[in-house]
Amino acid sequence: MTRRDYETYDYLIAMDRNNLRNIVRFVGSDPEHKVSLLMDHTSRPGDVADPWYTGDFEATWQDVLEGCTALLEELR
């Protein structure tokens, strides 16, 4: 992740707040509001469940599916 990625892409989507902080740290600031959490595009804002800690891959899959579906709806 670099500042060039920020300039190149329209959306930089993070799975959790730690990823979000790292993205902003790498790209500098976010004046164009390109950086967001995936789940912030849903009615359940927050982090995607991390199966590394929970062991619940189904919950993670459901979060990712819901987040991607909501993001696609926003883009329509």
PDB file of N, CA and C in Angstrom:
ATOM      1  N   MET A   1       0.855  -1.156   0.000  1.00  0.00           N
ATOM      2  CA  MET A   1       0.000   0.000   0.000  1.00  0.00           C
ATOM      3  C   MET A   1       0.908   1.226   0.000  1.00  0.00           C
ATOM      4  N   THR A   2       0.652   2.106  -0.955  1.00  0.00           N
ATOM      5  CA  THR A   2       1.446   3.331  -1.082  1.00  0.00           C
ATOM      6  C   THR A   2       0.536   4.511  -1.411  1.00  0.00           C
ATOM      7  N   ARG A   3       1.095   5.689  -1.376  1.00  0.00           N
ATOM      8  CA  ARG A   3       0.346   6.888  -1.755  1.00  0.00           C
ATOM      9  C   ARG A   3      -0.127   6.769  -3.201  1.00  0.00           C
ATOM     10  N   ARG A   4       0.668   6.116  -4.023  1.00  0.00           N
ATOM     11  CA  ARG A   4       0.279   5.933  -5.425  1.00  0.00           C
ATOM     12  C   ARG A   4      -1.017   5.115  -5.536  1.00  0.00           C
ATOM     13  N   ASP A   5      -1.178   4.120  -4.667  1.00  0.00           N
ATOM     14  CA  ASP A   5      -2.429   3.356  -4.650  1.00  0.00           C
ATOM     15  C   ASP A   5      -3.613   4.289  -4.391  1.00  0.00           C
ATOM     16  N   TYR A   6      -3.427   5.232  -3.487  1.00  0.00           N
ATOM     17  CA  TYR A   6      -4.497   6.185  -3.191  1.00  0.00           C
ATOM     18  C   TYR A   6      -4.846   6.997  -4.430  1.00  0.00           C
ATOM     19  N   GLU A   7      -3.831   7.398  -5.142  1.00  0.00           N
ATOM     20  CA  GLU A   7      -4.049   8.202  -6.343  1.00  0.00           C
ATOM     21  C   GLU A   7      -4.645   7.376  -7.486  1.00  0.00           C
ATOM     22  N   THR A   8      -4.337   6.079  -7.530  1.00  0.00           N
ATOM     23  CA  THR A   8      -4.756   5.207  -8.625  1.00  0.00           C
ATOM     24  C   THR A   8      -6.182   4.686  -8.458  1.00  0.00           C
ATOM     25  N   TYR A   9      -6.546   4.295  -7.246  1.00  0.00           N
ATOM     26  CA  TYR A   9      -7.814   3.606  -7.015  1.00  0.00           C
ATOM     27  C   TYR A   9      -8.868   4.524  -6.417  1.00  0.00           C
ATOM     28  N   ASP A  10     -10.120   4.203  -6.692  1.00  0.00           N
ATOM     29  CA  ASP A  10     -11.242   4.984  -6.172  1.00  0.00           C
ATOM     30  C   ASP A  10     -11.653   4.555  -4.768  1.00  0.00           C
ATOM     31  N   TYR A  11     -11.394   3.301  -4.419  1.00  0.00           N
ATOM     32  CA  TYR A  11     -11.812   2.755  -3.129  1.00  0.00           C
ATOM     33  C   TYR A  11     -10.678   1.939  -2.534  1.00  0.00           C
ATOM     34  N   LEU A  12     -10.429   2.146  -1.254  1.00  0.00           N
ATOM     35  CA  LEU A  12      -9.497   1.328  -0.488  1.00  0.00           C
ATOM     36  C   LEU A  12     -10.292   0.816   0.710  1.00  0.00           C
ATOM     37  N   ILE A  13     -10.610  -0.460   0.691  1.00  0.00           N
ATOM     38  CA  ILE A  13     -11.534  -1.047   1.656  1.00  0.00           C
ATOM     39  C   ILE A  13     -10.767  -1.900   2.660  1.00  0.00           C
ATOM     40  N   ALA A  14     -11.006  -1.647   3.934  1.00  0.00           N
ATOM     41  CA  ALA A  14     -10.352  -2.391   5.012  1.00  0.00           C
ATOM     42  C   ALA A  14     -11.343  -3.349   5.666  1.00  0.00           C
ATOM     43  N   MET A  15     -10.809  -4.454   6.174  1.00  0.00           N
ATOM     44  CA  MET A  15     -11.648  -5.442   6.856  1.00  0.00           C
ATOM     45  C   MET A  15     -11.849  -5.102   8.331  1.00  0.00           C
ATOM     46  N   ASP A  16     -10.875  -4.410   8.942  1.00  0.00           N
ATOM     47  CA  ASP A  16     -11.005  -4.048  10.354  1.00  0.00           C
ATOM     48  C   ASP A  16     -10.299  -2.720  10.618  1.00  0.00           C
ATOM     49  N   ARG A  17     -10.489  -2.216  11.831  1.00  0.00           N
ATOM     50  CA  ARG A  17      -9.944  -0.899  12.173  1.00  0.00           C
ATOM     51  C   ARG A  17      -8.419  -0.867  12.138  1.00  0.00           C
ATOM     52  N   ASN A  18      -7.790  -1.964  12.478  1.00  0.00           N
ATOM     53  CA  ASN A  18      -6.332  -2.025  12.413  1.00  0.00           C
ATOM     54  C   ASN A  18      -5.863  -1.864  10.966  1.00  0.00           C
ATOM     55  N   ASN A  19      -6.501  -2.580  10.036  1.00  0.00           N
ATOM     56  CA  ASN A  19      -6.185  -2.414   8.608  1.00  0.00           C
ATOM     57  C   ASN A  19      -6.435  -0.977   8.166  1.00  0.00           C
ATOM     58  N   LEU A  20      -7.527  -0.400   8.625  1.00  0.00           N
ATOM     59  CA  LEU A  20      -7.889   0.965   8.253  1.00  0.00           C
ATOM     60  C   LEU A  20      -6.806   1.952   8.693  1.00  0.00           C
ATOM     61  N   ARG A  21      -6.360   1.821   9.940  1.00  0.00           N
ATOM     62  CA  ARG A  21      -5.287   2.696  10.439  1.00  0.00           C
ATOM     63  C   ARG A  21      -4.024   2.542   9.609  1.00  0.00           C
ATOM     64  N   ASN A  22      -3.684   1.305   9.268  1.00  0.00           N
ATOM     65  CA  ASN A  22      -2.481   1.072   8.463  1.00  0.00           C
ATOM     66  C   ASN A  22      -2.606   1.677   7.074  1.00  0.00           C
ATOM     67  N   ILE A  23      -3.762   1.553   6.460  1.00  0.00           N
ATOM     68  CA  ILE A  23      -3.959   2.146   5.133  1.00  0.00           C
ATOM     69  C   ILE A  23      -3.748   3.651   5.202  1.00  0.00           C
ATOM     70  N   VAL A  24      -4.377   4.297   6.171  1.00  0.00           N
ATOM     71  CA  VAL A  24      -4.246   5.751   6.299  1.00  0.00           C
ATOM     72  C   VAL A  24      -2.795   6.126   6.589  1.00  0.00           C
ATOM     73  N   ARG A  25      -2.118   5.329   7.387  1.00  0.00           N
ATOM     74  CA  ARG A  25      -0.703   5.595   7.677  1.00  0.00           C
ATOM     75  C   ARG A  25       0.133   5.505   6.404  1.00  0.00           C
ATOM     76  N   PHE A  26      -0.137   4.524   5.562  1.00  0.00           N
ATOM     77  CA  PHE A  26       0.626   4.344   4.327  1.00  0.00           C
ATOM     78  C   PHE A  26       0.342   5.431   3.294  1.00  0.00           C
ATOM     79  N   VAL A  27      -0.912   5.835   3.176  1.00  0.00           N
ATOM     80  CA  VAL A  27      -1.269   6.781   2.111  1.00  0.00           C
ATOM     81  C   VAL A  27      -1.235   8.232   2.564  1.00  0.00           C
ATOM     82  N   GLY A  28      -1.083   8.469   3.842  1.00  0.00           N
ATOM     83  CA  GLY A  28      -1.090   9.838   4.353  1.00  0.00           C
ATOM     84  C   GLY A  28      -2.463  10.187   4.880  1.00  0.00           C
ATOM     85  N   SER A  29      -3.140  11.078   4.233  1.00  0.00           N
ATOM     86  CA  SER A  29      -4.482  11.459   4.659  1.00  0.00           C
ATOM     87  C   SER A  29      -5.502  10.943   3.640  1.00  0.00           C
ATOM     88  N   ASP A  30      -6.768  11.168   3.943  1.00  0.00           N
ATOM     89  CA  ASP A  30      -7.839  10.672   3.075  1.00  0.00           C
ATOM     90  C   ASP A  30      -8.812  11.799   2.715  1.00  0.00           C
ATOM     91  N   PRO A  31      -8.327  12.849   2.039  1.00  0.00           N
ATOM     92  CA  PRO A  31      -9.207  13.982   1.737  1.00  0.00           C
ATOM     93  C   PRO A  31     -10.346  13.650   0.775  1.00  0.00           C
ATOM     94  N   GLU A  32     -10.182  12.596  -0.022  1.00  0.00           N
ATOM     95  CA  GLU A  32     -11.222  12.224  -0.993  1.00  0.00           C
ATOM     96  C   GLU A  32     -12.158  11.138  -0.458  1.00  0.00           C
ATOM     97  N   HIS A  33     -11.976  10.749   0.790  1.00  0.00           N
ATOM     98  CA  HIS A  33     -12.828   9.749   1.447  1.00  0.00           C
ATOM     99  C   HIS A  33     -12.879   8.444   0.660  1.00  0.00           C
ATOM    100  N   LYS A  34     -11.724   7.963   0.271  1.00  0.00           N
ATOM    101  CA  LYS A  34     -11.617   6.702  -0.472  1.00  0.00           C
ATOM    102  C   LYS A  34     -11.452   5.504   0.454  1.00  0.00           C
ATOM    103  N   VAL A  35     -11.045   5.737   1.687  1.00  0.00           N
ATOM    104  CA  VAL A  35     -10.737   4.665   2.629  1.00  0.00           C
ATOM    105  C   VAL A  35     -11.946   4.420   3.524  1.00  0.00           C
ATOM    106  N   SER A  36     -12.350   3.151   3.636  1.00  0.00           N
ATOM    107  CA  SER A  36     -13.483   2.821   4.501  1.00  0.00           C
ATOM    108  C   SER A  36     -13.371   1.385   4.984  1.00  0.00           C
ATOM    109  N   LEU A  37     -14.155   1.092   6.007  1.00  0.00           N
ATOM    110  CA  LEU A  37     -14.320  -0.287   6.458  1.00  0.00           C
ATOM    111  C   LEU A  37     -15.396  -0.945   5.603  1.00  0.00           C
ATOM    112  N   LEU A  38     -15.191  -2.188   5.232  1.00  0.00           N
ATOM    113  CA  LEU A  38     -16.176  -2.898   4.419  1.00  0.00           C
ATOM    114  C   LEU A  38     -17.550  -2.881   5.073  1.00  0.00           C
ATOM    115  N   MET A  39     -17.605  -3.167   6.359  1.00  0.00           N
ATOM    116  CA  MET A  39     -18.894  -3.265   7.041  1.00  0.00           C
ATOM    117  C   MET A  39     -19.563  -1.910   7.245  1.00  0.00           C
ATOM    118  N   ASP A  40     -18.833  -0.815   7.067  1.00  0.00           N
ATOM    119  CA  ASP A  40     -19.455   0.502   7.165  1.00  0.00           C
ATOM    120  C   ASP A  40     -20.401   0.768   6.002  1.00  0.00           C
ATOM    121  N   HIS A  41     -20.384  -0.084   5.006  1.00  0.00           N
ATOM    122  CA  HIS A  41     -21.300   0.038   3.877  1.00  0.00           C
ATOM    123  C   HIS A  41     -22.595  -0.736   4.134  1.00  0.00           C
ATOM    124  N   THR A  42     -22.697  -1.346   5.299  1.00  0.00           N
ATOM    125  CA  THR A  42     -23.874  -2.135   5.673  1.00  0.00           C
ATOM    126  C   THR A  42     -24.635  -1.429   6.795  1.00  0.00           C
ATOM    127  N   SER A  43     -25.696  -2.058   7.247  1.00  0.00           N
ATOM    128  CA  SER A  43     -26.433  -1.536   8.404  1.00  0.00           C
ATOM    129  C   SER A  43     -25.781  -1.972   9.715  1.00  0.00           C
ATOM    130  N   ARG A  44     -24.667  -2.703   9.628  1.00  0.00           N
ATOM    131  CA  ARG A  44     -23.929  -3.165  10.816  1.00  0.00           C
ATOM    132  C   ARG A  44     -22.468  -2.703  10.731  1.00  0.00           C
ATOM    133  N   PRO A  45     -22.212  -1.387  10.872  1.00  0.00           N
ATOM    134  CA  PRO A  45     -20.840  -0.904  10.734  1.00  0.00           C
ATOM    135  C   PRO A  45     -19.915  -1.526  11.776  1.00  0.00           C
ATOM    136  N   GLY A  46     -18.647  -1.637  11.410  1.00  0.00           N
ATOM    137  CA  GLY A  46     -17.649  -2.193  12.316  1.00  0.00           C
ATOM    138  C   GLY A  46     -16.690  -3.095  11.577  1.00  0.00           C
ATOM    139  N   ASP A  47     -16.053  -3.968  12.327  1.00  0.00           N
ATOM    140  CA  ASP A  47     -15.051  -4.868  11.770  1.00  0.00           C
ATOM    141  C   ASP A  47     -15.674  -6.149  11.226  1.00  0.00           C
ATOM    142  N   VAL A  48     -15.047  -6.714  10.212  1.00  0.00           N
ATOM    143  CA  VAL A  48     -15.381  -8.064   9.757  1.00  0.00           C
ATOM    144  C   VAL A  48     -14.866  -9.025  10.824  1.00  0.00           C
ATOM    145  N   ALA A  49     -15.669 -10.010  11.181  1.00  0.00           N
ATOM    146  CA  ALA A  49     -15.247 -11.002  12.171  1.00  0.00           C
ATOM    147  C   ALA A  49     -13.965 -11.686  11.696  1.00  0.00           C
ATOM    148  N   ASP A  50     -12.960 -11.737  12.555  1.00  0.00           N
ATOM    149  CA  ASP A  50     -11.665 -12.306  12.185  1.00  0.00           C
ATOM    150  C   ASP A  50     -11.599 -13.773  12.604  1.00  0.00           C
ATOM    151  N   PRO A  51     -11.584 -14.695  11.640  1.00  0.00           N
ATOM    152  CA  PRO A  51     -11.589 -16.113  11.987  1.00  0.00           C
ATOM    153  C   PRO A  51     -10.305 -16.570  12.671  1.00  0.00           C
ATOM    154  N   TRP A  52      -9.250 -15.786  12.571  1.00  0.00           N
ATOM    155  CA  TRP A  52      -7.999 -16.139  13.263  1.00  0.00           C
ATOM    156  C   TRP A  52      -8.251 -16.213  14.768  1.00  0.00           C
ATOM    157  N   TYR A  53      -9.080 -15.291  15.260  1.00  0.00           N
ATOM    158  CA  TYR A  53      -9.368 -15.237  16.694  1.00  0.00           C
ATOM    159  C   TYR A  53     -10.632 -15.994  17.057  1.00  0.00           C
ATOM    160  N   THR A  54     -11.632 -15.962  16.175  1.00  0.00           N
ATOM    161  CA  THR A  54     -12.922 -16.562  16.518  1.00  0.00           C
ATOM    162  C   THR A  54     -13.037 -18.020  16.091  1.00  0.00           C
ATOM    163  N   GLY A  55     -12.304 -18.397  15.044  1.00  0.00           N
ATOM    164  CA  GLY A  55     -12.452 -19.737  14.482  1.00  0.00           C
ATOM    165  C   GLY A  55     -13.756 -19.909  13.718  1.00  0.00           C
ATOM    166  N   ASP A  56     -14.530 -18.843  13.612  1.00  0.00           N
ATOM    167  CA  ASP A  56     -15.848 -18.912  12.981  1.00  0.00           C
ATOM    168  C   ASP A  56     -15.766 -18.379  11.549  1.00  0.00           C
ATOM    169  N   PHE A  57     -15.371 -19.246  10.637  1.00  0.00           N
ATOM    170  CA  PHE A  57     -15.217 -18.851   9.243  1.00  0.00           C
ATOM    171  C   PHE A  57     -16.556 -18.520   8.590  1.00  0.00           C
ATOM    172  N   GLU A  58     -17.619 -19.128   9.057  1.00  0.00           N
ATOM    173  CA  GLU A  58     -18.950 -18.840   8.512  1.00  0.00           C
ATOM    174  C   GLU A  58     -19.347 -17.395   8.808  1.00  0.00           C
ATOM    175  N   ALA A  59     -19.095 -16.925  10.032  1.00  0.00           N
ATOM    176  CA  ALA A  59     -19.415 -15.533  10.378  1.00  0.00           C
ATOM    177  C   ALA A  59     -18.605 -14.570   9.516  1.00  0.00           C
ATOM    178  N   THR A  60     -17.347 -14.899   9.292  1.00  0.00           N
ATOM    179  CA  THR A  60     -16.501 -14.057   8.443  1.00  0.00           C
ATOM    180  C   THR A  60     -17.047 -14.030   7.028  1.00  0.00           C
ATOM    181  N   TRP A  61     -17.392 -15.194   6.507  1.00  0.00           N
ATOM    182  CA  TRP A  61     -17.951 -15.274   5.154  1.00  0.00           C
ATOM    183  C   TRP A  61     -19.217 -14.433   5.044  1.00  0.00           C
ATOM    184  N   GLN A  62     -20.094 -14.524   6.035  1.00  0.00           N
ATOM    185  CA  GLN A  62     -21.346 -13.765   6.004  1.00  0.00           C
ATOM    186  C   GLN A  62     -21.076 -12.260   6.049  1.00  0.00           C
ATOM    187  N   ASP A  63     -20.106 -11.838   6.871  1.00  0.00           N
ATOM    188  CA  ASP A  63     -19.741 -10.416   6.922  1.00  0.00           C
ATOM    189  C   ASP A  63     -19.222  -9.935   5.569  1.00  0.00           C
ATOM    190  N   VAL A  64     -18.321 -10.700   4.969  1.00  0.00           N
ATOM    191  CA  VAL A  64     -17.736 -10.307   3.681  1.00  0.00           C
ATOM    192  C   VAL A  64     -18.814 -10.265   2.602  1.00  0.00           C
ATOM    193  N   LEU A  65     -19.679 -11.259   2.580  1.00  0.00           N
ATOM    194  CA  LEU A  65     -20.764 -11.285   1.601  1.00  0.00           C
ATOM    195  C   LEU A  65     -21.685 -10.082   1.774  1.00  0.00           C
ATOM    196  N   GLU A  66     -22.080  -9.813   3.004  1.00  0.00           N
ATOM    197  CA  GLU A  66     -22.960  -8.673   3.276  1.00  0.00           C
ATOM    198  C   GLU A  66     -22.277  -7.351   2.913  1.00  0.00           C
ATOM    199  N   GLY A  67     -21.012  -7.224   3.276  1.00  0.00           N
ATOM    200  CA  GLY A  67     -20.278  -5.996   2.977  1.00  0.00           C
ATOM    201  C   GLY A  67     -20.110  -5.770   1.487  1.00  0.00           C
ATOM    202  N   CYS A  68     -19.743  -6.807   0.764  1.00  0.00           N
ATOM    203  CA  CYS A  68     -19.558  -6.679  -0.690  1.00  0.00           C
ATOM    204  C   CYS A  68     -20.874  -6.395  -1.395  1.00  0.00           C
ATOM    205  N   THR A  69     -21.934  -7.044  -0.958  1.00  0.00           N
ATOM    206  CA  THR A  69     -23.253  -6.811  -1.545  1.00  0.00           C
ATOM    207  C   THR A  69     -23.678  -5.361  -1.331  1.00  0.00           C
ATOM    208  N   ALA A  70     -23.490  -4.863  -0.115  1.00  0.00           N
ATOM    209  CA  ALA A  70     -23.868  -3.479   0.189  1.00  0.00           C
ATOM    210  C   ALA A  70     -23.017  -2.488  -0.601  1.00  0.00           C
ATOM    211  N   LEU A  71     -21.731  -2.752  -0.712  1.00  0.00           N
ATOM    212  CA  LEU A  71     -20.848  -1.865  -1.470  1.00  0.00           C
ATOM    213  C   LEU A  71     -21.257  -1.832  -2.941  1.00  0.00           C
ATOM    214  N   LEU A  72     -21.562  -2.994  -3.499  1.00  0.00           N
ATOM    215  CA  LEU A  72     -22.006  -3.037  -4.895  1.00  0.00           C
ATOM    216  C   LEU A  72     -23.302  -2.260  -5.100  1.00  0.00           C
ATOM    217  N   GLU A  73     -24.205  -2.338  -4.141  1.00  0.00           N
ATOM    218  CA  GLU A  73     -25.457  -1.574  -4.234  1.00  0.00           C
ATOM    219  C   GLU A  73     -25.173  -0.078  -4.231  1.00  0.00           C
ATOM    220  N   GLU A  74     -24.217   0.360  -3.418  1.00  0.00           N
ATOM    221  CA  GLU A  74     -23.850   1.779  -3.389  1.00  0.00           C
ATOM    222  C   GLU A  74     -23.288   2.234  -4.728  1.00  0.00           C
ATOM    223  N   LEU A  75     -22.583   1.348  -5.396  1.00  0.00           N
ATOM    224  CA  LEU A  75     -21.925   1.703  -6.648  1.00  0.00           C
ATOM    225  C   LEU A  75     -22.883   1.744  -7.834  1.00  0.00           C
ATOM    226  N   ARG A  76     -24.053   1.173  -7.676  1.00  0.00           N
ATOM    227  CA  ARG A  76     -25.032   1.153  -8.778  1.00  0.00           C
ATOM    228  C   ARG A  76     -25.628   2.500  -9.030  1.00  0.00           C
TER     229      ARG A  76
END
